[in-house]
Amino acid sequence: MLERDLQKEINRINGALEMLALLRERLEMQLDEVADETGQEALDETLSYTVALRSEFLRRQQTLHPHYKSYLFYLTDEGVLPILHDCYVPLVEGKAVACEFFKQTFRLADWYVRVEKEKPKQVVNETYSWLVFDQHGRLDLHAAHAIDASPLPTEEERAQIEKRLFDPGL
């Protein structure tokens, strides 16, 4: 599931949960006002249905949290540049170009992170590789694999990545 699709689903579920909570409050107030037994039976049934829907959306919400997400960064001479995963994938697939990076070589940091309520909580895995952009801004994966130097980050670059992940407001 793409990150933007996951975020949409989380937003839908959160919105549904809020709506169901308001609906339940309203129906409970109506239930107190109904003296007619048939009306009360209808409201009881509606309340039961609302509770069942709420339980289903809470279950769905729990399957999304915690989840995992890749955070990508270009490691450059100017510093650490974050890259949206959904922008990086088309580059690798050859469906997009990055003209601003033509004829440049970067190191890529790919951190796989456990996320709870859209906040990074724990790094699960880290991978590092080289990225070589050709004269048209396309990734040249063969040229990247031919580089013998280590793509590992410096301590300062690693600290910058951690700060961007865990202290994004700074």
N, C-alpha and C. Protein backbone atom coordinates (compact mmCIF):
# COMPACT_ATOMS: atom_id res chain seq x y z
N MET A 1 0.86 -1.17 0.00
CA MET A 1 0.00 0.00 0.00
C MET A 1 0.90 1.23 0.00
N LEU A 2 0.66 2.17 -0.93
CA LEU A 2 1.44 3.40 -0.98
C LEU A 2 1.17 4.24 0.26
N GLU A 3 2.15 5.05 0.63
CA GLU A 3 2.02 5.86 1.83
C GLU A 3 0.82 6.79 1.78
N ARG A 4 0.58 7.39 0.60
CA ARG A 4 -0.56 8.31 0.51
C ARG A 4 -1.88 7.56 0.63
N ASP A 5 -1.94 6.32 0.12
CA ASP A 5 -3.15 5.51 0.26
C ASP A 5 -3.36 5.10 1.71
N LEU A 6 -2.27 4.76 2.39
CA LEU A 6 -2.36 4.42 3.80
C LEU A 6 -2.85 5.61 4.61
N GLN A 7 -2.33 6.80 4.32
CA GLN A 7 -2.76 8.00 5.04
C GLN A 7 -4.23 8.29 4.77
N LYS A 8 -4.69 8.11 3.53
CA LYS A 8 -6.10 8.31 3.23
C LYS A 8 -6.97 7.36 4.03
N GLU A 9 -6.56 6.09 4.12
CA GLU A 9 -7.33 5.10 4.87
C GLU A 9 -7.37 5.46 6.35
N ILE A 10 -6.24 5.88 6.90
CA ILE A 10 -6.19 6.30 8.30
C ILE A 10 -7.13 7.48 8.52
N ASN A 11 -7.10 8.47 7.63
CA ASN A 11 -7.98 9.63 7.76
C ASN A 11 -9.45 9.24 7.66
N ARG A 12 -9.77 8.32 6.73
CA ARG A 12 -11.16 7.86 6.61
C ARG A 12 -11.63 7.19 7.90
N ILE A 13 -10.80 6.34 8.45
CA ILE A 13 -11.18 5.62 9.66
C ILE A 13 -11.33 6.58 10.83
N ASN A 14 -10.41 7.52 10.97
CA ASN A 14 -10.52 8.50 12.05
C ASN A 14 -11.79 9.33 11.91
N GLY A 15 -12.11 9.74 10.68
CA GLY A 15 -13.33 10.50 10.45
C GLY A 15 -14.58 9.68 10.76
N ALA A 16 -14.57 8.43 10.36
CA ALA A 16 -15.72 7.56 10.63
C ALA A 16 -15.90 7.35 12.13
N LEU A 17 -14.78 7.17 12.85
CA LEU A 17 -14.87 6.99 14.30
C LEU A 17 -15.44 8.22 14.99
N GLU A 18 -15.03 9.40 14.55
CA GLU A 18 -15.58 10.63 15.13
C GLU A 18 -17.07 10.75 14.86
N MET A 19 -17.47 10.46 13.62
CA MET A 19 -18.87 10.54 13.25
C MET A 19 -19.71 9.54 14.05
N LEU A 20 -19.21 8.34 14.19
CA LEU A 20 -19.95 7.32 14.94
C LEU A 20 -20.07 7.69 16.42
N ALA A 21 -19.05 8.29 16.98
CA ALA A 21 -19.13 8.72 18.39
C ALA A 21 -20.21 9.79 18.56
N LEU A 22 -20.27 10.74 17.63
CA LEU A 22 -21.30 11.78 17.70
C LEU A 22 -22.69 11.19 17.51
N LEU A 23 -22.82 10.29 16.57
CA LEU A 23 -24.11 9.64 16.32
C LEU A 23 -24.57 8.86 17.55
N ARG A 24 -23.65 8.14 18.15
CA ARG A 24 -24.00 7.37 19.34
C ARG A 24 -24.48 8.29 20.48
N GLU A 25 -23.79 9.40 20.72
CA GLU A 25 -24.21 10.35 21.76
C GLU A 25 -25.63 10.85 21.48
N ARG A 26 -25.87 11.21 20.22
CA ARG A 26 -27.19 11.72 19.86
C ARG A 26 -28.27 10.68 20.07
N LEU A 27 -28.01 9.45 19.65
CA LEU A 27 -29.00 8.39 19.81
C LEU A 27 -29.24 8.06 21.28
N GLU A 28 -28.21 8.11 22.09
CA GLU A 28 -28.39 7.86 23.53
C GLU A 28 -29.27 8.94 24.16
N MET A 29 -29.11 10.19 23.71
CA MET A 29 -29.97 11.26 24.23
C MET A 29 -31.42 11.03 23.79
N GLN A 30 -31.61 10.61 22.55
CA GLN A 30 -32.96 10.32 22.06
C GLN A 30 -33.58 9.16 22.81
N LEU A 31 -32.75 8.16 23.13
CA LEU A 31 -33.25 6.98 23.83
C LEU A 31 -33.85 7.36 25.18
N ASP A 32 -33.22 8.28 25.88
CA ASP A 32 -33.72 8.73 27.17
C ASP A 32 -35.08 9.41 27.03
N GLU A 33 -35.34 10.02 25.87
CA GLU A 33 -36.58 10.78 25.67
C GLU A 33 -37.73 9.92 25.16
N VAL A 34 -37.46 8.73 24.64
CA VAL A 34 -38.49 7.89 24.04
C VAL A 34 -39.17 7.05 25.11
N ALA A 35 -40.48 7.17 25.20
CA ALA A 35 -41.24 6.36 26.15
C ALA A 35 -41.94 5.21 25.45
N ASP A 36 -42.19 5.37 24.18
CA ASP A 36 -42.88 4.36 23.40
C ASP A 36 -41.96 3.15 23.22
N GLU A 37 -42.46 1.97 23.56
CA GLU A 37 -41.64 0.76 23.53
C GLU A 37 -41.14 0.43 22.12
N THR A 38 -41.98 0.60 21.10
CA THR A 38 -41.53 0.30 19.74
C THR A 38 -40.45 1.28 19.30
N GLY A 39 -40.59 2.53 19.66
CA GLY A 39 -39.56 3.52 19.35
C GLY A 39 -38.26 3.19 20.06
N GLN A 40 -38.38 2.75 21.31
CA GLN A 40 -37.18 2.39 22.08
C GLN A 40 -36.50 1.17 21.47
N GLU A 41 -37.29 0.22 21.00
CA GLU A 41 -36.70 -0.96 20.35
C GLU A 41 -35.92 -0.55 19.09
N ALA A 42 -36.47 0.39 18.33
CA ALA A 42 -35.80 0.86 17.10
C ALA A 42 -34.48 1.55 17.45
N LEU A 43 -34.54 2.37 18.49
CA LEU A 43 -33.31 3.06 18.90
C LEU A 43 -32.28 2.08 19.46
N ASP A 44 -32.73 1.09 20.22
CA ASP A 44 -31.80 0.07 20.73
C ASP A 44 -31.10 -0.65 19.57
N GLU A 45 -31.89 -0.97 18.56
CA GLU A 45 -31.32 -1.65 17.40
C GLU A 45 -30.30 -0.75 16.69
N THR A 46 -30.64 0.52 16.54
CA THR A 46 -29.73 1.47 15.89
C THR A 46 -28.46 1.64 16.72
N LEU A 47 -28.62 1.74 18.03
CA LEU A 47 -27.44 1.85 18.90
C LEU A 47 -26.56 0.61 18.80
N SER A 48 -27.16 -0.56 18.76
CA SER A 48 -26.38 -1.80 18.62
C SER A 48 -25.61 -1.80 17.30
N TYR A 49 -26.27 -1.34 16.24
CA TYR A 49 -25.62 -1.27 14.94
C TYR A 49 -24.44 -0.28 14.98
N THR A 50 -24.66 0.86 15.61
CA THR A 50 -23.60 1.86 15.72
C THR A 50 -22.42 1.31 16.51
N VAL A 51 -22.68 0.60 17.58
CA VAL A 51 -21.60 0.00 18.37
C VAL A 51 -20.83 -1.02 17.54
N ALA A 52 -21.55 -1.81 16.75
CA ALA A 52 -20.89 -2.80 15.89
C ALA A 52 -20.02 -2.12 14.84
N LEU A 53 -20.52 -1.04 14.23
CA LEU A 53 -19.71 -0.29 13.26
C LEU A 53 -18.47 0.30 13.91
N ARG A 54 -18.65 0.87 15.07
CA ARG A 54 -17.52 1.47 15.78
C ARG A 54 -16.46 0.41 16.09
N SER A 55 -16.89 -0.75 16.53
CA SER A 55 -15.95 -1.84 16.82
C SER A 55 -15.18 -2.25 15.57
N GLU A 56 -15.88 -2.30 14.44
CA GLU A 56 -15.23 -2.66 13.19
C GLU A 56 -14.18 -1.63 12.80
N PHE A 57 -14.51 -0.34 12.92
CA PHE A 57 -13.53 0.69 12.56
C PHE A 57 -12.36 0.72 13.55
N LEU A 58 -12.60 0.46 14.80
CA LEU A 58 -11.50 0.36 15.77
C LEU A 58 -10.58 -0.81 15.43
N ARG A 59 -11.18 -1.94 15.01
CA ARG A 59 -10.38 -3.09 14.60
C ARG A 59 -9.52 -2.74 13.40
N ARG A 60 -10.13 -2.06 12.42
CA ARG A 60 -9.37 -1.66 11.23
C ARG A 60 -8.24 -0.71 11.60
N GLN A 61 -8.53 0.20 12.51
CA GLN A 61 -7.51 1.16 12.94
C GLN A 61 -6.33 0.43 13.59
N GLN A 62 -6.62 -0.58 14.39
CA GLN A 62 -5.55 -1.32 15.05
C GLN A 62 -4.67 -2.07 14.05
N THR A 63 -5.25 -2.50 12.91
CA THR A 63 -4.43 -3.20 11.92
C THR A 63 -3.47 -2.24 11.22
N LEU A 64 -3.77 -0.94 11.26
CA LEU A 64 -2.89 0.05 10.64
C LEU A 64 -1.81 0.56 11.59
N HIS A 65 -1.99 0.37 12.89
CA HIS A 65 -1.05 0.88 13.89
C HIS A 65 -0.61 -0.25 14.79
N PRO A 66 0.64 -0.46 15.03
CA PRO A 66 1.72 0.25 14.35
C PRO A 66 1.91 -0.32 12.96
N HIS A 67 2.45 0.47 12.10
CA HIS A 67 2.82 -0.01 10.78
C HIS A 67 4.25 0.44 10.50
N TYR A 68 4.72 0.14 9.34
CA TYR A 68 6.11 0.43 9.01
C TYR A 68 6.16 1.28 7.76
N LYS A 69 7.21 2.09 7.68
CA LYS A 69 7.33 3.03 6.59
C LYS A 69 8.81 3.22 6.27
N SER A 70 9.12 3.38 4.99
CA SER A 70 10.48 3.68 4.58
C SER A 70 10.66 5.19 4.52
N TYR A 71 11.75 5.65 5.10
CA TYR A 71 12.15 7.05 5.01
C TYR A 71 13.44 7.09 4.22
N LEU A 72 13.46 7.91 3.18
CA LEU A 72 14.60 7.96 2.28
C LEU A 72 15.27 9.32 2.34
N PHE A 73 16.60 9.31 2.23
CA PHE A 73 17.37 10.54 2.29
C PHE A 73 18.52 10.47 1.30
N TYR A 74 18.73 11.56 0.55
CA TYR A 74 19.96 11.70 -0.23
C TYR A 74 21.01 12.26 0.72
N LEU A 75 22.19 11.67 0.71
CA LEU A 75 23.31 12.17 1.49
C LEU A 75 24.21 12.90 0.51
N THR A 76 24.27 14.22 0.63
CA THR A 76 25.00 15.05 -0.32
C THR A 76 26.07 15.86 0.41
N ASP A 77 26.88 16.56 -0.36
CA ASP A 77 27.89 17.45 0.24
C ASP A 77 27.23 18.59 1.01
N GLU A 78 26.02 18.96 0.62
CA GLU A 78 25.29 20.05 1.30
C GLU A 78 24.53 19.57 2.53
N GLY A 79 24.41 18.27 2.72
CA GLY A 79 23.69 17.75 3.87
C GLY A 79 22.75 16.63 3.51
N VAL A 80 21.79 16.39 4.37
CA VAL A 80 20.83 15.31 4.22
C VAL A 80 19.54 15.88 3.64
N LEU A 81 19.10 15.30 2.51
CA LEU A 81 17.87 15.76 1.86
C LEU A 81 16.82 14.65 1.91
N PRO A 82 15.69 14.89 2.56
CA PRO A 82 14.65 13.86 2.58
C PRO A 82 13.98 13.72 1.22
N ILE A 83 13.55 12.50 0.90
CA ILE A 83 12.87 12.21 -0.36
C ILE A 83 11.59 11.47 -0.02
N LEU A 84 10.50 11.87 -0.62
CA LEU A 84 9.25 11.14 -0.43
C LEU A 84 9.36 9.78 -1.13
N HIS A 85 8.94 8.74 -0.44
CA HIS A 85 9.00 7.39 -0.99
C HIS A 85 8.24 7.31 -2.31
N ASP A 86 7.08 7.96 -2.36
CA ASP A 86 6.25 7.93 -3.56
C ASP A 86 6.89 8.68 -4.73
N CYS A 87 7.86 9.53 -4.47
CA CYS A 87 8.60 10.21 -5.55
C CYS A 87 9.81 9.39 -5.98
N TYR A 88 10.36 8.64 -5.05
CA TYR A 88 11.56 7.86 -5.34
C TYR A 88 11.25 6.62 -6.20
N VAL A 89 10.17 5.95 -5.91
CA VAL A 89 9.83 4.71 -6.62
C VAL A 89 9.75 4.92 -8.14
N PRO A 90 9.07 5.97 -8.64
CA PRO A 90 9.05 6.16 -10.10
C PRO A 90 10.45 6.39 -10.70
N LEU A 91 11.37 6.98 -9.92
CA LEU A 91 12.74 7.13 -10.41
C LEU A 91 13.39 5.77 -10.63
N VAL A 92 13.24 4.89 -9.65
CA VAL A 92 13.84 3.56 -9.73
C VAL A 92 13.19 2.75 -10.86
N GLU A 93 11.90 2.93 -11.04
CA GLU A 93 11.17 2.20 -12.09
C GLU A 93 11.44 2.77 -13.48
N GLY A 94 12.16 3.89 -13.56
CA GLY A 94 12.44 4.51 -14.85
C GLY A 94 11.27 5.28 -15.42
N LYS A 95 10.27 5.58 -14.59
CA LYS A 95 9.08 6.29 -15.05
C LYS A 95 9.16 7.80 -14.81
N ALA A 96 10.22 8.23 -14.14
CA ALA A 96 10.38 9.66 -13.83
C ALA A 96 11.86 10.03 -13.95
N VAL A 97 12.08 11.32 -14.09
CA VAL A 97 13.45 11.85 -14.12
C VAL A 97 13.56 12.96 -13.08
N ALA A 98 14.79 13.23 -12.68
CA ALA A 98 15.07 14.32 -11.74
C ALA A 98 16.12 15.21 -12.41
N CYS A 99 15.64 16.09 -13.25
CA CYS A 99 16.55 16.94 -14.04
C CYS A 99 17.48 17.76 -13.16
N GLU A 100 17.01 18.13 -11.98
CA GLU A 100 17.85 18.94 -11.09
C GLU A 100 19.08 18.19 -10.58
N PHE A 101 19.08 16.87 -10.76
CA PHE A 101 20.20 16.06 -10.28
C PHE A 101 21.02 15.45 -11.43
N PHE A 102 20.85 15.96 -12.65
CA PHE A 102 21.56 15.33 -13.77
C PHE A 102 23.07 15.34 -13.54
N LYS A 103 23.69 14.25 -13.91
CA LYS A 103 25.14 14.02 -13.79
C LYS A 103 25.64 14.17 -12.35
N GLN A 104 24.82 13.78 -11.38
CA GLN A 104 25.25 13.83 -9.98
C GLN A 104 25.20 12.44 -9.37
N THR A 105 26.03 12.25 -8.35
CA THR A 105 26.07 10.99 -7.61
C THR A 105 25.82 11.29 -6.14
N PHE A 106 24.90 10.53 -5.56
CA PHE A 106 24.56 10.68 -4.14
C PHE A 106 24.62 9.32 -3.47
N ARG A 107 24.67 9.38 -2.16
CA ARG A 107 24.42 8.17 -1.37
C ARG A 107 22.98 8.23 -0.92
N LEU A 108 22.36 7.07 -0.86
CA LEU A 108 20.96 6.97 -0.43
C LEU A 108 20.90 6.26 0.91
N ALA A 109 20.20 6.87 1.85
CA ALA A 109 19.91 6.22 3.13
C ALA A 109 18.44 5.83 3.11
N ASP A 110 18.16 4.56 3.34
CA ASP A 110 16.79 4.05 3.38
C ASP A 110 16.58 3.45 4.75
N TRP A 111 15.80 4.16 5.58
CA TRP A 111 15.53 3.68 6.93
C TRP A 111 14.11 3.15 6.98
N TYR A 112 13.98 1.91 7.41
CA TYR A 112 12.69 1.26 7.58
C TYR A 112 12.32 1.42 9.05
N VAL A 113 11.19 2.09 9.31
CA VAL A 113 10.88 2.56 10.67
C VAL A 113 9.48 2.09 11.08
N ARG A 114 9.37 1.67 12.35
CA ARG A 114 8.05 1.38 12.92
C ARG A 114 7.40 2.72 13.25
N VAL A 115 6.15 2.88 12.81
CA VAL A 115 5.42 4.14 12.95
C VAL A 115 4.16 3.88 13.76
N GLU A 116 3.91 4.75 14.72
CA GLU A 116 2.66 4.69 15.49
C GLU A 116 1.98 6.04 15.40
N LYS A 117 0.75 6.04 14.95
CA LYS A 117 -0.03 7.26 14.78
C LYS A 117 0.76 8.30 14.00
N GLU A 118 1.37 7.82 12.91
CA GLU A 118 2.11 8.64 11.94
C GLU A 118 3.38 9.28 12.51
N LYS A 119 3.85 8.79 13.65
CA LYS A 119 5.11 9.29 14.21
C LYS A 119 6.13 8.16 14.25
N PRO A 120 7.32 8.40 13.70
CA PRO A 120 8.37 7.38 13.76
C PRO A 120 8.71 7.04 15.21
N LYS A 121 8.79 5.74 15.49
CA LYS A 121 9.07 5.29 16.86
C LYS A 121 10.38 4.53 16.97
N GLN A 122 10.69 3.69 16.00
CA GLN A 122 11.88 2.84 16.14
C GLN A 122 12.40 2.44 14.76
N VAL A 123 13.71 2.59 14.59
CA VAL A 123 14.35 2.17 13.35
C VAL A 123 14.46 0.65 13.38
N VAL A 124 13.97 0.01 12.33
CA VAL A 124 13.99 -1.44 12.24
C VAL A 124 15.16 -1.91 11.37
N ASN A 125 15.43 -1.16 10.30
CA ASN A 125 16.50 -1.55 9.38
C ASN A 125 17.02 -0.31 8.67
N GLU A 126 18.30 -0.35 8.32
CA GLU A 126 18.92 0.73 7.56
C GLU A 126 19.67 0.11 6.39
N THR A 127 19.50 0.71 5.21
CA THR A 127 20.30 0.29 4.07
C THR A 127 20.85 1.54 3.40
N TYR A 128 22.02 1.38 2.82
CA TYR A 128 22.70 2.49 2.16
C TYR A 128 23.18 2.02 0.80
N SER A 129 23.06 2.91 -0.18
CA SER A 129 23.51 2.57 -1.53
C SER A 129 23.87 3.85 -2.26
N TRP A 130 24.41 3.66 -3.44
CA TRP A 130 24.77 4.78 -4.30
C TRP A 130 23.68 5.04 -5.31
N LEU A 131 23.49 6.30 -5.66
CA LEU A 131 22.57 6.70 -6.73
C LEU A 131 23.36 7.54 -7.72
N VAL A 132 23.31 7.14 -8.97
CA VAL A 132 23.98 7.88 -10.03
C VAL A 132 22.90 8.34 -11.01
N PHE A 133 22.85 9.65 -11.21
CA PHE A 133 21.92 10.23 -12.19
C PHE A 133 22.69 10.49 -13.48
N ASP A 134 22.10 10.10 -14.59
CA ASP A 134 22.77 10.31 -15.88
C ASP A 134 22.53 11.74 -16.39
N GLN A 135 22.95 12.00 -17.63
CA GLN A 135 22.85 13.35 -18.19
C GLN A 135 21.41 13.80 -18.43
N HIS A 136 20.44 12.89 -18.30
CA HIS A 136 19.03 13.23 -18.48
C HIS A 136 18.26 13.25 -17.15
N GLY A 137 18.95 12.98 -16.05
CA GLY A 137 18.29 12.96 -14.75
C GLY A 137 17.65 11.63 -14.41
N ARG A 138 18.01 10.58 -15.17
CA ARG A 138 17.51 9.23 -14.87
C ARG A 138 18.52 8.51 -14.00
N LEU A 139 18.02 7.60 -13.20
CA LEU A 139 18.92 6.79 -12.38
C LEU A 139 19.64 5.78 -13.24
N ASP A 140 20.94 5.67 -13.04
CA ASP A 140 21.76 4.67 -13.72
C ASP A 140 22.18 3.65 -12.67
N LEU A 141 21.38 2.61 -12.53
CA LEU A 141 21.62 1.61 -11.48
C LEU A 141 22.89 0.81 -11.73
N HIS A 142 23.25 0.59 -12.98
CA HIS A 142 24.49 -0.14 -13.28
C HIS A 142 25.70 0.65 -12.83
N ALA A 143 25.71 1.95 -13.09
CA ALA A 143 26.83 2.79 -12.66
C ALA A 143 26.90 2.84 -11.14
N ALA A 144 25.76 2.85 -10.49
CA ALA A 144 25.74 2.89 -9.02
C ALA A 144 26.35 1.62 -8.43
N HIS A 145 26.04 0.46 -9.02
CA HIS A 145 26.58 -0.81 -8.51
C HIS A 145 28.09 -0.94 -8.75
N ALA A 146 28.61 -0.18 -9.70
CA ALA A 146 30.04 -0.26 -10.01
C ALA A 146 30.92 0.54 -9.03
N ILE A 147 30.29 1.35 -8.18
CA ILE A 147 31.06 2.15 -7.22
C ILE A 147 31.52 1.26 -6.07
N ASP A 148 32.85 1.28 -5.81
CA ASP A 148 33.42 0.43 -4.77
C ASP A 148 33.43 1.10 -3.39
N ALA A 149 33.35 2.41 -3.33
CA ALA A 149 33.42 3.12 -2.05
C ALA A 149 32.19 2.82 -1.20
N SER A 150 32.35 2.95 0.10
CA SER A 150 31.25 2.69 1.02
C SER A 150 30.24 3.84 0.98
N PRO A 151 28.93 3.51 0.94
CA PRO A 151 27.90 4.54 0.96
C PRO A 151 27.45 4.92 2.38
N LEU A 152 28.10 4.35 3.39
CA LEU A 152 27.67 4.57 4.77
C LEU A 152 27.75 6.05 5.16
N PRO A 153 26.86 6.50 6.03
CA PRO A 153 26.85 7.91 6.43
C PRO A 153 27.94 8.20 7.46
N THR A 154 28.28 9.47 7.55
CA THR A 154 29.15 9.92 8.63
C THR A 154 28.31 10.00 9.90
N GLU A 155 28.94 10.18 11.03
CA GLU A 155 28.20 10.35 12.29
C GLU A 155 27.30 11.57 12.23
N GLU A 156 27.81 12.64 11.62
CA GLU A 156 27.01 13.87 11.49
C GLU A 156 25.78 13.65 10.61
N GLU A 157 25.95 12.94 9.49
CA GLU A 157 24.81 12.65 8.61
C GLU A 157 23.79 11.77 9.33
N ARG A 158 24.27 10.80 10.06
CA ARG A 158 23.38 9.92 10.82
C ARG A 158 22.58 10.72 11.84
N ALA A 159 23.25 11.64 12.51
CA ALA A 159 22.57 12.49 13.50
C ALA A 159 21.52 13.37 12.82
N GLN A 160 21.82 13.88 11.62
CA GLN A 160 20.85 14.69 10.87
C GLN A 160 19.61 13.87 10.50
N ILE A 161 19.82 12.63 10.08
CA ILE A 161 18.69 11.75 9.74
C ILE A 161 17.83 11.52 10.98
N GLU A 162 18.46 11.18 12.09
CA GLU A 162 17.71 10.94 13.33
C GLU A 162 16.92 12.18 13.74
N LYS A 163 17.53 13.34 13.61
CA LYS A 163 16.85 14.58 13.98
C LYS A 163 15.64 14.81 13.08
N ARG A 164 15.79 14.58 11.79
CA ARG A 164 14.68 14.76 10.85
C ARG A 164 13.53 13.79 11.14
N LEU A 165 13.88 12.57 11.56
CA LEU A 165 12.84 11.57 11.84
C LEU A 165 12.16 11.80 13.18
N PHE A 166 12.96 12.00 14.21
CA PHE A 166 12.41 11.99 15.56
C PHE A 166 12.17 13.37 16.15
N ASP A 167 12.73 14.42 15.55
CA ASP A 167 12.49 15.81 15.98
C ASP A 167 12.19 16.67 14.77
N PRO A 168 11.12 16.37 14.01
CA PRO A 168 10.89 17.07 12.75
C PRO A 168 10.60 18.56 12.93
N GLY A 169 10.20 19.00 14.09
CA GLY A 169 9.89 20.42 14.32
C GLY A 169 11.14 21.27 14.46
N LEU A 170 12.28 20.64 14.64
CA LEU A 170 13.51 21.42 14.82
C LEU A 170 14.12 21.81 13.51
